[in-house]
Amino acid sequence: MATCLVTGANRGIGYEYCRQLQERGDTVIAVCRSATAELKNLGVRIETGVDITSESAVSDLVQRLDQIPIDILINNAGILARVSLDNLDFDSIRQQFEVNALGPLRLTQALLPNLRAGSKIIIMTSRMGSIADNTSGGSYGYRMSKVAVSMAGKSLAHDLKPKGIAVAILHPGLVSTRMTGYTSSGISATESVQNLLQRIDQLNLDNTGTFWHAQGEVLPW
């Protein structure tokens, strides 16, 4: 049984991570700004009031956790705002960088004392952060922030490998959640997380730093 910390746990993929991890017998620490009734009904440990863009909020979380060993750290919290060339909103771009790129790095660095040899760090990114796969342009803040967090994940993989800590950089697929406007083209969060957990279970020091599609395909940078 592993102890797993999930950010952005109150809905969508984050909630589904919590549900499936608990269902398979893992201990779950659900981290979010505010908890939904659905999350509360899971009966997992919930840590609210955590904005990953805030150093004080992250420091407070670290104190609350009190050096609890974490086996799997899932950096899932993120935001998506459509920013086109015709409407470049630099405040929005900046906010997406803070949440999507700097937030996971800030939290991971703060929780390093809770990690140990054999622990795993998950960076939830997106195929939209693949430069080689960008065939449509647009979405400047989201694409740029996801490129940045993928690079952070790759550097973490190198820096933490000597400590026995592996890092996966994961794309969940196109998932029908509130973030994507419940697109009819997407898969369910249930299916996405089932695939993501397979990638997490397969993660080791030999494949650390890999950019995977949830279904197992290695994606281009």
N, C-alpha and C. Protein backbone atom coordinates (compact mmCIF):
# COMPACT_ATOMS: atom_id res chain seq x y z
N MET A 1 0.85 -1.19 0.00
CA MET A 1 0.00 0.00 0.00
C MET A 1 0.88 1.24 0.00
N ALA A 2 0.61 2.15 -0.93
CA ALA A 2 1.41 3.36 -1.08
C ALA A 2 0.68 4.56 -0.51
N THR A 3 1.43 5.55 -0.09
CA THR A 3 0.86 6.83 0.32
C THR A 3 1.01 7.79 -0.86
N CYS A 4 -0.13 8.29 -1.35
CA CYS A 4 -0.15 9.09 -2.56
C CYS A 4 -0.72 10.48 -2.27
N LEU A 5 -0.02 11.52 -2.72
CA LEU A 5 -0.52 12.89 -2.59
C LEU A 5 -0.90 13.39 -3.97
N VAL A 6 -2.12 13.90 -4.07
CA VAL A 6 -2.67 14.36 -5.35
C VAL A 6 -3.07 15.82 -5.22
N THR A 7 -2.54 16.69 -6.10
CA THR A 7 -2.98 18.08 -6.11
C THR A 7 -4.12 18.26 -7.12
N GLY A 8 -4.86 19.35 -6.96
CA GLY A 8 -6.02 19.56 -7.83
C GLY A 8 -7.02 18.44 -7.66
N ALA A 9 -7.21 18.01 -6.42
CA ALA A 9 -7.93 16.77 -6.13
C ALA A 9 -9.44 16.93 -6.05
N ASN A 10 -9.95 18.14 -6.17
CA ASN A 10 -11.37 18.34 -5.89
C ASN A 10 -12.30 17.96 -7.03
N ARG A 11 -11.77 17.80 -8.25
CA ARG A 11 -12.65 17.43 -9.36
C ARG A 11 -11.83 16.86 -10.51
N GLY A 12 -12.53 16.41 -11.53
CA GLY A 12 -11.90 15.95 -12.76
C GLY A 12 -10.91 14.82 -12.56
N ILE A 13 -9.77 14.93 -13.22
CA ILE A 13 -8.75 13.90 -13.16
C ILE A 13 -8.21 13.75 -11.74
N GLY A 14 -8.04 14.85 -11.03
CA GLY A 14 -7.53 14.78 -9.67
C GLY A 14 -8.44 13.98 -8.76
N TYR A 15 -9.73 14.27 -8.82
CA TYR A 15 -10.70 13.51 -8.02
C TYR A 15 -10.65 12.03 -8.40
N GLU A 16 -10.58 11.76 -9.69
CA GLU A 16 -10.59 10.36 -10.14
C GLU A 16 -9.32 9.63 -9.71
N TYR A 17 -8.19 10.32 -9.70
CA TYR A 17 -6.97 9.73 -9.14
C TYR A 17 -7.24 9.30 -7.69
N CYS A 18 -7.81 10.21 -6.91
CA CYS A 18 -8.07 9.91 -5.49
C CYS A 18 -8.99 8.71 -5.35
N ARG A 19 -10.03 8.69 -6.14
CA ARG A 19 -11.02 7.61 -6.05
C ARG A 19 -10.40 6.25 -6.39
N GLN A 20 -9.66 6.21 -7.50
CA GLN A 20 -9.10 4.92 -7.92
C GLN A 20 -7.95 4.47 -7.03
N LEU A 21 -7.15 5.41 -6.56
CA LEU A 21 -6.06 5.04 -5.66
C LEU A 21 -6.61 4.48 -4.35
N GLN A 22 -7.64 5.13 -3.82
CA GLN A 22 -8.25 4.63 -2.59
C GLN A 22 -8.88 3.26 -2.83
N GLU A 23 -9.52 3.11 -3.97
CA GLU A 23 -10.20 1.86 -4.29
C GLU A 23 -9.24 0.68 -4.34
N ARG A 24 -8.02 0.94 -4.77
CA ARG A 24 -7.06 -0.16 -4.85
C ARG A 24 -6.25 -0.34 -3.56
N GLY A 25 -6.60 0.45 -2.54
CA GLY A 25 -6.02 0.23 -1.22
C GLY A 25 -4.90 1.16 -0.81
N ASP A 26 -4.62 2.18 -1.62
CA ASP A 26 -3.58 3.13 -1.28
C ASP A 26 -4.11 4.18 -0.31
N THR A 27 -3.20 4.78 0.44
CA THR A 27 -3.55 5.90 1.31
C THR A 27 -3.46 7.18 0.50
N VAL A 28 -4.51 7.99 0.54
CA VAL A 28 -4.60 9.17 -0.32
C VAL A 28 -4.62 10.44 0.51
N ILE A 29 -3.80 11.40 0.10
CA ILE A 29 -3.83 12.76 0.65
C ILE A 29 -4.27 13.67 -0.49
N ALA A 30 -5.50 14.17 -0.40
CA ALA A 30 -6.09 14.99 -1.45
C ALA A 30 -5.84 16.46 -1.13
N VAL A 31 -5.12 17.14 -2.02
CA VAL A 31 -4.73 18.54 -1.80
C VAL A 31 -5.48 19.43 -2.79
N CYS A 32 -6.10 20.49 -2.27
CA CYS A 32 -6.86 21.38 -3.14
C CYS A 32 -7.07 22.71 -2.44
N ARG A 33 -7.60 23.66 -3.16
CA ARG A 33 -7.94 24.95 -2.54
C ARG A 33 -9.20 24.81 -1.71
N SER A 34 -10.21 24.14 -2.25
CA SER A 34 -11.44 23.87 -1.50
C SER A 34 -11.99 22.52 -1.95
N ALA A 35 -12.59 21.79 -1.02
CA ALA A 35 -13.05 20.44 -1.30
C ALA A 35 -14.51 20.44 -1.75
N THR A 36 -14.80 19.61 -2.73
CA THR A 36 -16.18 19.40 -3.15
C THR A 36 -16.82 18.35 -2.24
N ALA A 37 -18.15 18.32 -2.26
CA ALA A 37 -18.87 17.30 -1.49
C ALA A 37 -18.48 15.90 -1.96
N GLU A 38 -18.28 15.79 -3.27
CA GLU A 38 -17.90 14.49 -3.84
C GLU A 38 -16.57 14.01 -3.27
N LEU A 39 -15.61 14.91 -3.16
CA LEU A 39 -14.31 14.54 -2.61
C LEU A 39 -14.44 14.18 -1.13
N LYS A 40 -15.21 14.97 -0.39
CA LYS A 40 -15.39 14.68 1.03
C LYS A 40 -16.00 13.31 1.25
N ASN A 41 -16.89 12.90 0.35
CA ASN A 41 -17.56 11.61 0.50
C ASN A 41 -16.63 10.42 0.29
N LEU A 42 -15.45 10.67 -0.28
CA LEU A 42 -14.50 9.56 -0.47
C LEU A 42 -13.94 9.07 0.85
N GLY A 43 -13.86 9.97 1.83
CA GLY A 43 -13.31 9.58 3.12
C GLY A 43 -11.80 9.55 3.17
N VAL A 44 -11.15 10.22 2.21
CA VAL A 44 -9.68 10.29 2.21
C VAL A 44 -9.24 11.50 3.02
N ARG A 45 -7.97 11.57 3.33
CA ARG A 45 -7.45 12.76 4.00
C ARG A 45 -7.45 13.92 3.03
N ILE A 46 -8.01 15.05 3.44
CA ILE A 46 -8.10 16.22 2.57
C ILE A 46 -7.37 17.39 3.22
N GLU A 47 -6.51 18.01 2.44
CA GLU A 47 -5.81 19.21 2.88
C GLU A 47 -6.26 20.36 1.99
N THR A 48 -7.04 21.29 2.55
CA THR A 48 -7.60 22.39 1.77
C THR A 48 -6.79 23.68 2.00
N GLY A 49 -7.16 24.69 1.25
CA GLY A 49 -6.51 25.99 1.37
C GLY A 49 -5.13 26.03 0.76
N VAL A 50 -4.85 25.09 -0.13
CA VAL A 50 -3.51 25.00 -0.71
C VAL A 50 -3.52 25.54 -2.14
N ASP A 51 -2.97 26.71 -2.31
CA ASP A 51 -2.76 27.31 -3.62
C ASP A 51 -1.29 27.10 -3.96
N ILE A 52 -1.02 26.29 -4.98
CA ILE A 52 0.37 25.92 -5.26
C ILE A 52 1.19 27.07 -5.82
N THR A 53 0.55 28.22 -6.08
CA THR A 53 1.32 29.39 -6.50
C THR A 53 1.79 30.20 -5.30
N SER A 54 1.37 29.81 -4.11
CA SER A 54 1.69 30.56 -2.89
C SER A 54 2.74 29.82 -2.07
N GLU A 55 3.87 30.46 -1.86
CA GLU A 55 4.92 29.82 -1.06
C GLU A 55 4.46 29.60 0.37
N SER A 56 3.69 30.53 0.93
CA SER A 56 3.23 30.37 2.31
C SER A 56 2.24 29.22 2.42
N ALA A 57 1.36 29.06 1.42
CA ALA A 57 0.40 27.96 1.44
C ALA A 57 1.10 26.61 1.32
N VAL A 58 2.11 26.55 0.47
CA VAL A 58 2.87 25.31 0.32
C VAL A 58 3.65 25.00 1.59
N SER A 59 4.25 26.01 2.19
CA SER A 59 4.98 25.81 3.45
C SER A 59 4.05 25.32 4.55
N ASP A 60 2.84 25.87 4.59
CA ASP A 60 1.86 25.44 5.58
C ASP A 60 1.48 23.98 5.37
N LEU A 61 1.33 23.57 4.11
CA LEU A 61 1.02 22.17 3.81
C LEU A 61 2.14 21.26 4.29
N VAL A 62 3.37 21.65 4.03
CA VAL A 62 4.52 20.85 4.46
C VAL A 62 4.49 20.66 5.97
N GLN A 63 4.17 21.70 6.70
CA GLN A 63 4.10 21.59 8.16
C GLN A 63 2.98 20.65 8.59
N ARG A 64 1.84 20.73 7.90
CA ARG A 64 0.71 19.87 8.24
C ARG A 64 1.04 18.40 7.98
N LEU A 65 1.80 18.16 6.94
CA LEU A 65 2.14 16.77 6.60
C LEU A 65 3.14 16.18 7.58
N ASP A 66 3.92 17.04 8.22
CA ASP A 66 4.81 16.61 9.31
C ASP A 66 5.71 15.44 8.92
N GLN A 67 6.36 15.59 7.75
CA GLN A 67 7.36 14.61 7.28
C GLN A 67 6.78 13.23 7.00
N ILE A 68 5.49 13.14 6.73
CA ILE A 68 4.89 11.86 6.32
C ILE A 68 5.59 11.39 5.04
N PRO A 69 6.07 10.16 5.00
CA PRO A 69 6.68 9.65 3.76
C PRO A 69 5.65 9.57 2.64
N ILE A 70 6.01 10.07 1.48
CA ILE A 70 5.13 10.04 0.31
C ILE A 70 5.74 9.12 -0.74
N ASP A 71 4.98 8.15 -1.17
CA ASP A 71 5.45 7.21 -2.18
C ASP A 71 5.20 7.71 -3.60
N ILE A 72 4.05 8.36 -3.80
CA ILE A 72 3.70 8.87 -5.13
C ILE A 72 3.18 10.29 -4.98
N LEU A 73 3.87 11.23 -5.60
CA LEU A 73 3.47 12.64 -5.60
C LEU A 73 2.93 12.96 -6.99
N ILE A 74 1.64 13.26 -7.07
CA ILE A 74 0.99 13.51 -8.35
C ILE A 74 0.68 15.00 -8.47
N ASN A 75 1.47 15.69 -9.27
CA ASN A 75 1.29 17.12 -9.53
C ASN A 75 0.25 17.29 -10.63
N ASN A 76 -1.00 17.37 -10.21
CA ASN A 76 -2.11 17.38 -11.17
C ASN A 76 -2.77 18.75 -11.34
N ALA A 77 -2.67 19.63 -10.35
CA ALA A 77 -3.36 20.92 -10.42
C ALA A 77 -2.92 21.71 -11.64
N GLY A 78 -3.88 22.29 -12.32
CA GLY A 78 -3.56 23.08 -13.51
C GLY A 78 -4.76 23.88 -13.97
N ILE A 79 -4.50 24.85 -14.83
CA ILE A 79 -5.57 25.66 -15.41
C ILE A 79 -5.36 25.78 -16.92
N LEU A 80 -6.46 26.01 -17.61
CA LEU A 80 -6.43 26.18 -19.06
C LEU A 80 -7.23 27.43 -19.42
N ALA A 81 -6.58 28.37 -20.11
CA ALA A 81 -7.27 29.54 -20.64
C ALA A 81 -6.83 29.71 -22.08
N ARG A 82 -7.78 29.87 -22.95
CA ARG A 82 -7.47 30.02 -24.38
C ARG A 82 -6.96 31.43 -24.66
N VAL A 83 -5.73 31.53 -25.11
CA VAL A 83 -5.14 32.83 -25.45
C VAL A 83 -4.65 32.77 -26.89
N SER A 84 -5.28 33.56 -27.76
CA SER A 84 -4.92 33.55 -29.18
C SER A 84 -4.00 34.72 -29.51
N LEU A 85 -3.44 34.70 -30.69
CA LEU A 85 -2.56 35.78 -31.13
C LEU A 85 -3.33 37.09 -31.26
N ASP A 86 -4.60 36.98 -31.60
CA ASP A 86 -5.44 38.17 -31.74
C ASP A 86 -5.84 38.76 -30.39
N ASN A 87 -5.69 37.99 -29.35
CA ASN A 87 -6.10 38.45 -28.02
C ASN A 87 -5.08 37.96 -26.99
N LEU A 88 -3.87 38.50 -27.08
CA LEU A 88 -2.81 38.08 -26.17
C LEU A 88 -3.01 38.71 -24.80
N ASP A 89 -3.44 37.89 -23.87
CA ASP A 89 -3.67 38.34 -22.50
C ASP A 89 -2.46 37.90 -21.68
N PHE A 90 -1.52 38.81 -21.47
CA PHE A 90 -0.28 38.43 -20.81
C PHE A 90 -0.48 38.11 -19.33
N ASP A 91 -1.48 38.70 -18.71
CA ASP A 91 -1.78 38.33 -17.33
C ASP A 91 -2.23 36.88 -17.24
N SER A 92 -3.04 36.47 -18.22
CA SER A 92 -3.50 35.07 -18.26
C SER A 92 -2.33 34.13 -18.52
N ILE A 93 -1.47 34.50 -19.44
CA ILE A 93 -0.29 33.67 -19.73
C ILE A 93 0.57 33.54 -18.48
N ARG A 94 0.77 34.65 -17.80
CA ARG A 94 1.58 34.65 -16.58
C ARG A 94 0.96 33.76 -15.51
N GLN A 95 -0.36 33.83 -15.36
CA GLN A 95 -1.04 33.01 -14.36
C GLN A 95 -0.91 31.52 -14.70
N GLN A 96 -1.02 31.17 -15.98
CA GLN A 96 -0.89 29.77 -16.38
C GLN A 96 0.52 29.25 -16.10
N PHE A 97 1.52 30.11 -16.28
CA PHE A 97 2.88 29.72 -15.92
C PHE A 97 2.98 29.47 -14.42
N GLU A 98 2.39 30.35 -13.63
CA GLU A 98 2.46 30.21 -12.17
C GLU A 98 1.84 28.90 -11.71
N VAL A 99 0.66 28.58 -12.25
CA VAL A 99 -0.05 27.38 -11.80
C VAL A 99 0.52 26.11 -12.45
N ASN A 100 0.67 26.14 -13.76
CA ASN A 100 1.00 24.92 -14.50
C ASN A 100 2.48 24.54 -14.48
N ALA A 101 3.35 25.53 -14.37
CA ALA A 101 4.79 25.25 -14.45
C ALA A 101 5.52 25.47 -13.12
N LEU A 102 5.36 26.65 -12.54
CA LEU A 102 6.08 26.94 -11.30
C LEU A 102 5.47 26.22 -10.11
N GLY A 103 4.15 26.07 -10.10
CA GLY A 103 3.48 25.42 -8.97
C GLY A 103 3.97 24.01 -8.71
N PRO A 104 3.98 23.14 -9.72
CA PRO A 104 4.47 21.78 -9.50
C PRO A 104 5.93 21.73 -9.05
N LEU A 105 6.75 22.61 -9.60
CA LEU A 105 8.15 22.64 -9.20
C LEU A 105 8.28 23.12 -7.75
N ARG A 106 7.52 24.13 -7.40
CA ARG A 106 7.54 24.66 -6.02
C ARG A 106 7.14 23.57 -5.02
N LEU A 107 6.05 22.88 -5.32
CA LEU A 107 5.55 21.86 -4.40
C LEU A 107 6.51 20.68 -4.30
N THR A 108 7.02 20.25 -5.43
CA THR A 108 7.94 19.11 -5.43
C THR A 108 9.19 19.42 -4.61
N GLN A 109 9.76 20.60 -4.82
CA GLN A 109 10.95 20.98 -4.06
C GLN A 109 10.65 21.02 -2.56
N ALA A 110 9.49 21.54 -2.20
CA ALA A 110 9.12 21.65 -0.79
C ALA A 110 8.91 20.28 -0.13
N LEU A 111 8.47 19.31 -0.94
CA LEU A 111 8.17 17.99 -0.39
C LEU A 111 9.31 16.99 -0.54
N LEU A 112 10.45 17.44 -1.01
CA LEU A 112 11.58 16.51 -1.15
C LEU A 112 11.92 15.79 0.16
N PRO A 113 11.83 16.45 1.33
CA PRO A 113 12.12 15.72 2.56
C PRO A 113 11.14 14.58 2.85
N ASN A 114 9.97 14.61 2.20
CA ASN A 114 8.98 13.55 2.38
C ASN A 114 9.19 12.38 1.42
N LEU A 115 10.06 12.58 0.44
CA LEU A 115 10.32 11.54 -0.56
C LEU A 115 11.56 10.75 -0.18
N ARG A 116 11.67 9.55 -0.74
CA ARG A 116 12.77 8.65 -0.40
C ARG A 116 13.05 7.77 -1.61
N ALA A 117 14.08 6.96 -1.52
CA ALA A 117 14.39 6.02 -2.61
C ALA A 117 13.16 5.14 -2.85
N GLY A 118 12.76 5.07 -4.11
CA GLY A 118 11.57 4.31 -4.47
C GLY A 118 10.34 5.17 -4.66
N SER A 119 10.38 6.42 -4.20
CA SER A 119 9.26 7.32 -4.42
C SER A 119 9.16 7.69 -5.90
N LYS A 120 7.95 8.12 -6.31
CA LYS A 120 7.72 8.50 -7.69
C LYS A 120 7.07 9.88 -7.73
N ILE A 121 7.50 10.70 -8.69
CA ILE A 121 6.93 12.02 -8.90
C ILE A 121 6.24 12.03 -10.26
N ILE A 122 5.00 12.48 -10.28
CA ILE A 122 4.24 12.54 -11.52
C ILE A 122 4.00 14.00 -11.87
N ILE A 123 4.39 14.36 -13.08
CA ILE A 123 4.14 15.69 -13.62
C ILE A 123 3.05 15.55 -14.67
N MET A 124 1.87 16.08 -14.38
CA MET A 124 0.79 16.04 -15.36
C MET A 124 0.98 17.20 -16.34
N THR A 125 1.28 16.86 -17.57
CA THR A 125 1.49 17.86 -18.61
C THR A 125 0.44 17.68 -19.69
N SER A 126 0.75 17.99 -20.91
CA SER A 126 -0.20 17.85 -22.00
C SER A 126 0.52 17.69 -23.32
N ARG A 127 -0.11 16.97 -24.22
CA ARG A 127 0.42 16.88 -25.58
C ARG A 127 0.46 18.26 -26.24
N MET A 128 -0.36 19.18 -25.74
CA MET A 128 -0.33 20.54 -26.26
C MET A 128 0.98 21.24 -25.92
N GLY A 129 1.76 20.64 -25.03
CA GLY A 129 3.07 21.17 -24.71
C GLY A 129 4.19 20.53 -25.53
N SER A 130 3.82 19.74 -26.52
CA SER A 130 4.82 19.16 -27.42
C SER A 130 5.08 20.12 -28.57
N ILE A 131 6.30 20.55 -28.72
CA ILE A 131 6.65 21.45 -29.82
C ILE A 131 6.52 20.74 -31.16
N ALA A 132 7.00 19.51 -31.23
CA ALA A 132 6.95 18.76 -32.48
C ALA A 132 5.51 18.45 -32.91
N ASP A 133 4.62 18.33 -31.93
CA ASP A 133 3.24 17.93 -32.22
C ASP A 133 2.31 19.13 -32.43
N ASN A 134 2.84 20.34 -32.32
CA ASN A 134 2.00 21.54 -32.47
C ASN A 134 1.73 21.80 -33.94
N THR A 135 0.53 21.45 -34.38
CA THR A 135 0.16 21.64 -35.78
C THR A 135 -0.95 22.67 -35.96
N SER A 136 -1.35 23.32 -34.86
CA SER A 136 -2.48 24.24 -34.97
C SER A 136 -2.24 25.61 -34.34
N GLY A 137 -1.15 25.79 -33.59
CA GLY A 137 -0.86 27.08 -32.99
C GLY A 137 -1.83 27.44 -31.88
N GLY A 138 -1.86 28.74 -31.53
CA GLY A 138 -2.78 29.23 -30.51
C GLY A 138 -2.49 28.73 -29.11
N SER A 139 -3.43 28.99 -28.21
CA SER A 139 -3.34 28.55 -26.80
C SER A 139 -1.97 28.87 -26.21
N TYR A 140 -1.54 30.11 -26.35
CA TYR A 140 -0.17 30.48 -26.01
C TYR A 140 0.19 30.20 -24.56
N GLY A 141 -0.62 30.63 -23.63
CA GLY A 141 -0.28 30.43 -22.23
C GLY A 141 -0.25 28.97 -21.83
N TYR A 142 -1.23 28.21 -22.27
CA TYR A 142 -1.30 26.80 -21.90
C TYR A 142 -0.15 26.02 -22.53
N ARG A 143 0.03 26.18 -23.83
CA ARG A 143 1.11 25.45 -24.51
C ARG A 143 2.47 25.79 -23.90
N MET A 144 2.74 27.07 -23.70
CA MET A 144 4.05 27.49 -23.19
C MET A 144 4.28 26.99 -21.76
N SER A 145 3.25 27.03 -20.93
CA SER A 145 3.40 26.57 -19.55
C SER A 145 3.61 25.08 -19.48
N LYS A 146 2.99 24.34 -20.40
CA LYS A 146 3.15 22.88 -20.39
C LYS A 146 4.52 22.46 -20.93
N VAL A 147 5.04 23.20 -21.89
CA VAL A 147 6.44 22.96 -22.31
C VAL A 147 7.36 23.15 -21.10
N ALA A 148 7.11 24.21 -20.35
CA ALA A 148 7.97 24.54 -19.21
C ALA A 148 7.90 23.47 -18.13
N VAL A 149 6.72 22.99 -17.80
CA VAL A 149 6.62 21.99 -16.74
C VAL A 149 7.19 20.65 -17.19
N SER A 150 7.09 20.35 -18.49
CA SER A 150 7.72 19.12 -18.99
C SER A 150 9.23 19.20 -18.85
N MET A 151 9.79 20.36 -19.13
CA MET A 151 11.23 20.54 -18.96
C MET A 151 11.62 20.43 -17.49
N ALA A 152 10.79 20.98 -16.61
CA ALA A 152 11.06 20.84 -15.17
C ALA A 152 11.06 19.35 -14.79
N GLY A 153 10.11 18.60 -15.32
CA GLY A 153 10.06 17.18 -15.02
C GLY A 153 11.29 16.44 -15.50
N LYS A 154 11.78 16.80 -16.69
CA LYS A 154 12.97 16.15 -17.23
C LYS A 154 14.20 16.46 -16.36
N SER A 155 14.32 17.71 -15.92
CA SER A 155 15.44 18.06 -15.05
C SER A 155 15.33 17.36 -13.70
N LEU A 156 14.13 17.29 -13.16
CA LEU A 156 13.92 16.57 -11.89
C LEU A 156 14.33 15.11 -12.03
N ALA A 157 14.02 14.52 -13.18
CA ALA A 157 14.38 13.11 -13.39
C ALA A 157 15.88 12.91 -13.29
N HIS A 158 16.64 13.82 -13.89
CA HIS A 158 18.10 13.72 -13.82
C HIS A 158 18.62 13.99 -12.40
N ASP A 159 18.09 15.04 -11.79
CA ASP A 159 18.59 15.44 -10.48
C ASP A 159 18.26 14.45 -9.37
N LEU A 160 17.12 13.77 -9.50
CA LEU A 160 16.66 12.89 -8.42
C LEU A 160 16.96 11.41 -8.65
N LYS A 161 17.43 11.06 -9.84
CA LYS A 161 17.76 9.66 -10.09
C LYS A 161 18.80 9.12 -9.12
N PRO A 162 19.87 9.90 -8.79
CA PRO A 162 20.84 9.38 -7.81
C PRO A 162 20.23 9.11 -6.44
N LYS A 163 19.09 9.73 -6.15
CA LYS A 163 18.42 9.51 -4.87
C LYS A 163 17.39 8.38 -4.94
N GLY A 164 17.29 7.77 -6.13
CA GLY A 164 16.37 6.65 -6.28
C GLY A 164 14.93 7.06 -6.51
N ILE A 165 14.71 8.31 -6.92
CA ILE A 165 13.37 8.84 -7.14
C ILE A 165 13.13 8.99 -8.65
N ALA A 166 12.05 8.38 -9.15
CA ALA A 166 11.75 8.40 -10.58
C ALA A 166 10.66 9.43 -10.87
N VAL A 167 10.69 9.95 -12.10
CA VAL A 167 9.75 11.00 -12.52
C VAL A 167 9.10 10.61 -13.84
N ALA A 168 7.78 10.72 -13.89
CA ALA A 168 7.04 10.52 -15.14
C ALA A 168 6.40 11.82 -15.57
N ILE A 169 6.41 12.10 -16.86
CA ILE A 169 5.80 13.29 -17.44
C ILE A 169 4.65 12.78 -18.29
N LEU A 170 3.41 13.03 -17.86
CA LEU A 170 2.27 12.31 -18.41
C LEU A 170 1.22 13.23 -19.05
N HIS A 171 0.76 12.80 -20.21
CA HIS A 171 -0.37 13.42 -20.90
C HIS A 171 -1.59 12.53 -20.69
N PRO A 172 -2.70 13.06 -20.17
CA PRO A 172 -3.84 12.21 -19.83
C PRO A 172 -4.72 11.79 -20.99
N GLY A 173 -4.44 12.35 -22.18
CA GLY A 173 -5.37 12.19 -23.28
C GLY A 173 -6.35 13.36 -23.27
N LEU A 174 -7.21 13.42 -24.26
CA LEU A 174 -8.27 14.42 -24.28
C LEU A 174 -9.39 13.89 -23.39
N VAL A 175 -9.58 14.55 -22.26
CA VAL A 175 -10.50 14.04 -21.24
C VAL A 175 -11.69 14.99 -21.11
N SER A 176 -12.87 14.43 -21.02
CA SER A 176 -14.08 15.22 -20.87
C SER A 176 -14.25 15.65 -19.42
N THR A 177 -13.75 16.85 -19.11
CA THR A 177 -13.85 17.42 -17.77
C THR A 177 -14.28 18.88 -17.90
N ARG A 178 -14.46 19.53 -16.78
CA ARG A 178 -14.83 20.95 -16.81
C ARG A 178 -13.76 21.77 -17.51
N MET A 179 -12.48 21.40 -17.34
CA MET A 179 -11.39 22.15 -17.97
C MET A 179 -11.53 22.17 -19.49
N THR A 180 -11.99 21.07 -20.07
CA THR A 180 -12.12 20.97 -21.52
C THR A 180 -13.54 21.25 -22.00
N GLY A 181 -14.36 21.80 -21.10
CA GLY A 181 -15.73 22.10 -21.48
C GLY A 181 -16.56 20.85 -21.71
N TYR A 182 -16.18 19.77 -21.04
CA TYR A 182 -16.88 18.49 -21.18
C TYR A 182 -17.03 18.09 -22.64
N THR A 183 -15.94 18.22 -23.37
CA THR A 183 -15.95 17.91 -24.80
C THR A 183 -16.49 16.51 -25.08
N SER A 184 -17.29 16.42 -26.10
CA SER A 184 -17.85 15.12 -26.49
C SER A 184 -16.81 14.26 -27.19
N SER A 185 -15.68 14.87 -27.54
CA SER A 185 -14.61 14.12 -28.22
C SER A 185 -13.68 13.43 -27.24
N GLY A 186 -13.84 13.72 -25.96
CA GLY A 186 -12.89 13.21 -24.98
C GLY A 186 -13.30 11.89 -24.36
N ILE A 187 -12.34 11.26 -23.70
CA ILE A 187 -12.61 10.05 -22.94
C ILE A 187 -13.01 10.45 -21.52
N SER A 188 -13.50 9.51 -20.76
CA SER A 188 -13.89 9.81 -19.39
C SER A 188 -12.67 9.92 -18.50
N ALA A 189 -12.81 10.63 -17.39
CA ALA A 189 -11.72 10.71 -16.42
C ALA A 189 -11.41 9.32 -15.87
N THR A 190 -12.42 8.49 -15.74
CA THR A 190 -12.20 7.12 -15.25
C THR A 190 -11.24 6.37 -16.15
N GLU A 191 -11.49 6.41 -17.47
CA GLU A 191 -10.62 5.71 -18.41
C GLU A 191 -9.22 6.30 -18.43
N SER A 192 -9.15 7.63 -18.39
CA SER A 192 -7.85 8.29 -18.41
C SER A 192 -7.00 7.86 -17.22
N VAL A 193 -7.57 7.90 -16.03
CA VAL A 193 -6.80 7.57 -14.83
C VAL A 193 -6.44 6.09 -14.78
N GLN A 194 -7.29 5.24 -15.30
CA GLN A 194 -6.93 3.82 -15.39
C GLN A 194 -5.64 3.67 -16.20
N ASN A 195 -5.55 4.38 -17.32
CA ASN A 195 -4.35 4.33 -18.15
C ASN A 195 -3.16 4.99 -17.46
N LEU A 196 -3.41 6.12 -16.82
CA LEU A 196 -2.32 6.83 -16.13
C LEU A 196 -1.72 5.99 -15.02
N LEU A 197 -2.55 5.28 -14.28
CA LEU A 197 -2.03 4.45 -13.19
C LEU A 197 -1.17 3.30 -13.73
N GLN A 198 -1.47 2.83 -14.91
CA GLN A 198 -0.61 1.82 -15.53
C GLN A 198 0.78 2.39 -15.80
N ARG A 199 0.82 3.62 -16.28
CA ARG A 199 2.12 4.26 -16.54
C ARG A 199 2.87 4.49 -15.23
N ILE A 200 2.16 4.90 -14.19
CA ILE A 200 2.80 5.13 -12.90
C ILE A 200 3.35 3.83 -12.33
N ASP A 201 2.59 2.76 -12.46
CA ASP A 201 3.05 1.47 -11.94
C ASP A 201 4.29 0.98 -12.69
N GLN A 202 4.39 1.34 -13.97
CA GLN A 202 5.53 0.90 -14.79
C GLN A 202 6.75 1.81 -14.63
N LEU A 203 6.58 2.94 -13.97
CA LEU A 203 7.68 3.90 -13.83
C LEU A 203 8.79 3.34 -12.95
N ASN A 204 10.03 3.48 -13.41
CA ASN A 204 11.19 3.06 -12.63
C ASN A 204 12.38 3.94 -13.01
N LEU A 205 13.52 3.65 -12.44
CA LEU A 205 14.70 4.48 -12.70
C LEU A 205 15.26 4.29 -14.11
N ASP A 206 14.87 3.22 -14.78
CA ASP A 206 15.34 3.02 -16.15
C ASP A 206 14.57 3.86 -17.15
N ASN A 207 13.27 4.14 -16.86
CA ASN A 207 12.49 4.94 -17.80
C ASN A 207 12.12 6.31 -17.24
N THR A 208 12.77 6.72 -16.15
CA THR A 208 12.49 8.02 -15.56
C THR A 208 12.74 9.14 -16.57
N GLY A 209 11.89 10.18 -16.50
CA GLY A 209 12.04 11.31 -17.40
C GLY A 209 11.35 11.14 -18.74
N THR A 210 10.56 10.07 -18.90
CA THR A 210 9.87 9.82 -20.16
C THR A 210 8.58 10.64 -20.25
N PHE A 211 8.29 11.16 -21.43
CA PHE A 211 7.06 11.90 -21.73
C PHE A 211 6.09 10.93 -22.38
N TRP A 212 5.12 10.48 -21.61
CA TRP A 212 4.19 9.44 -22.07
C TRP A 212 2.78 9.96 -22.30
N HIS A 213 2.13 9.43 -23.30
CA HIS A 213 0.68 9.46 -23.40
C HIS A 213 0.15 8.46 -22.39
N ALA A 214 -1.00 8.72 -21.81
CA ALA A 214 -1.56 7.80 -20.82
C ALA A 214 -1.70 6.38 -21.37
N GLN A 215 -1.89 6.26 -22.68
CA GLN A 215 -2.06 4.95 -23.28
C GLN A 215 -0.74 4.21 -23.50
N GLY A 216 0.37 4.87 -23.23
CA GLY A 216 1.66 4.20 -23.30
C GLY A 216 2.59 4.67 -24.40
N GLU A 217 2.08 5.46 -25.34
CA GLU A 217 2.91 5.98 -26.42
C GLU A 217 3.90 7.01 -25.87
N VAL A 218 5.17 6.91 -26.29
CA VAL A 218 6.15 7.93 -25.93
C VAL A 218 5.95 9.11 -26.87
N LEU A 219 5.73 10.28 -26.30
CA LEU A 219 5.41 11.46 -27.09
C LEU A 219 6.65 12.27 -27.45
N PRO A 220 6.62 12.98 -28.56
CA PRO A 220 7.76 13.82 -28.96
C PRO A 220 7.79 15.11 -28.15
N TRP A 221 8.99 15.60 -27.90
CA TRP A 221 9.12 16.87 -27.19
C TRP A 221 8.74 18.04 -28.08
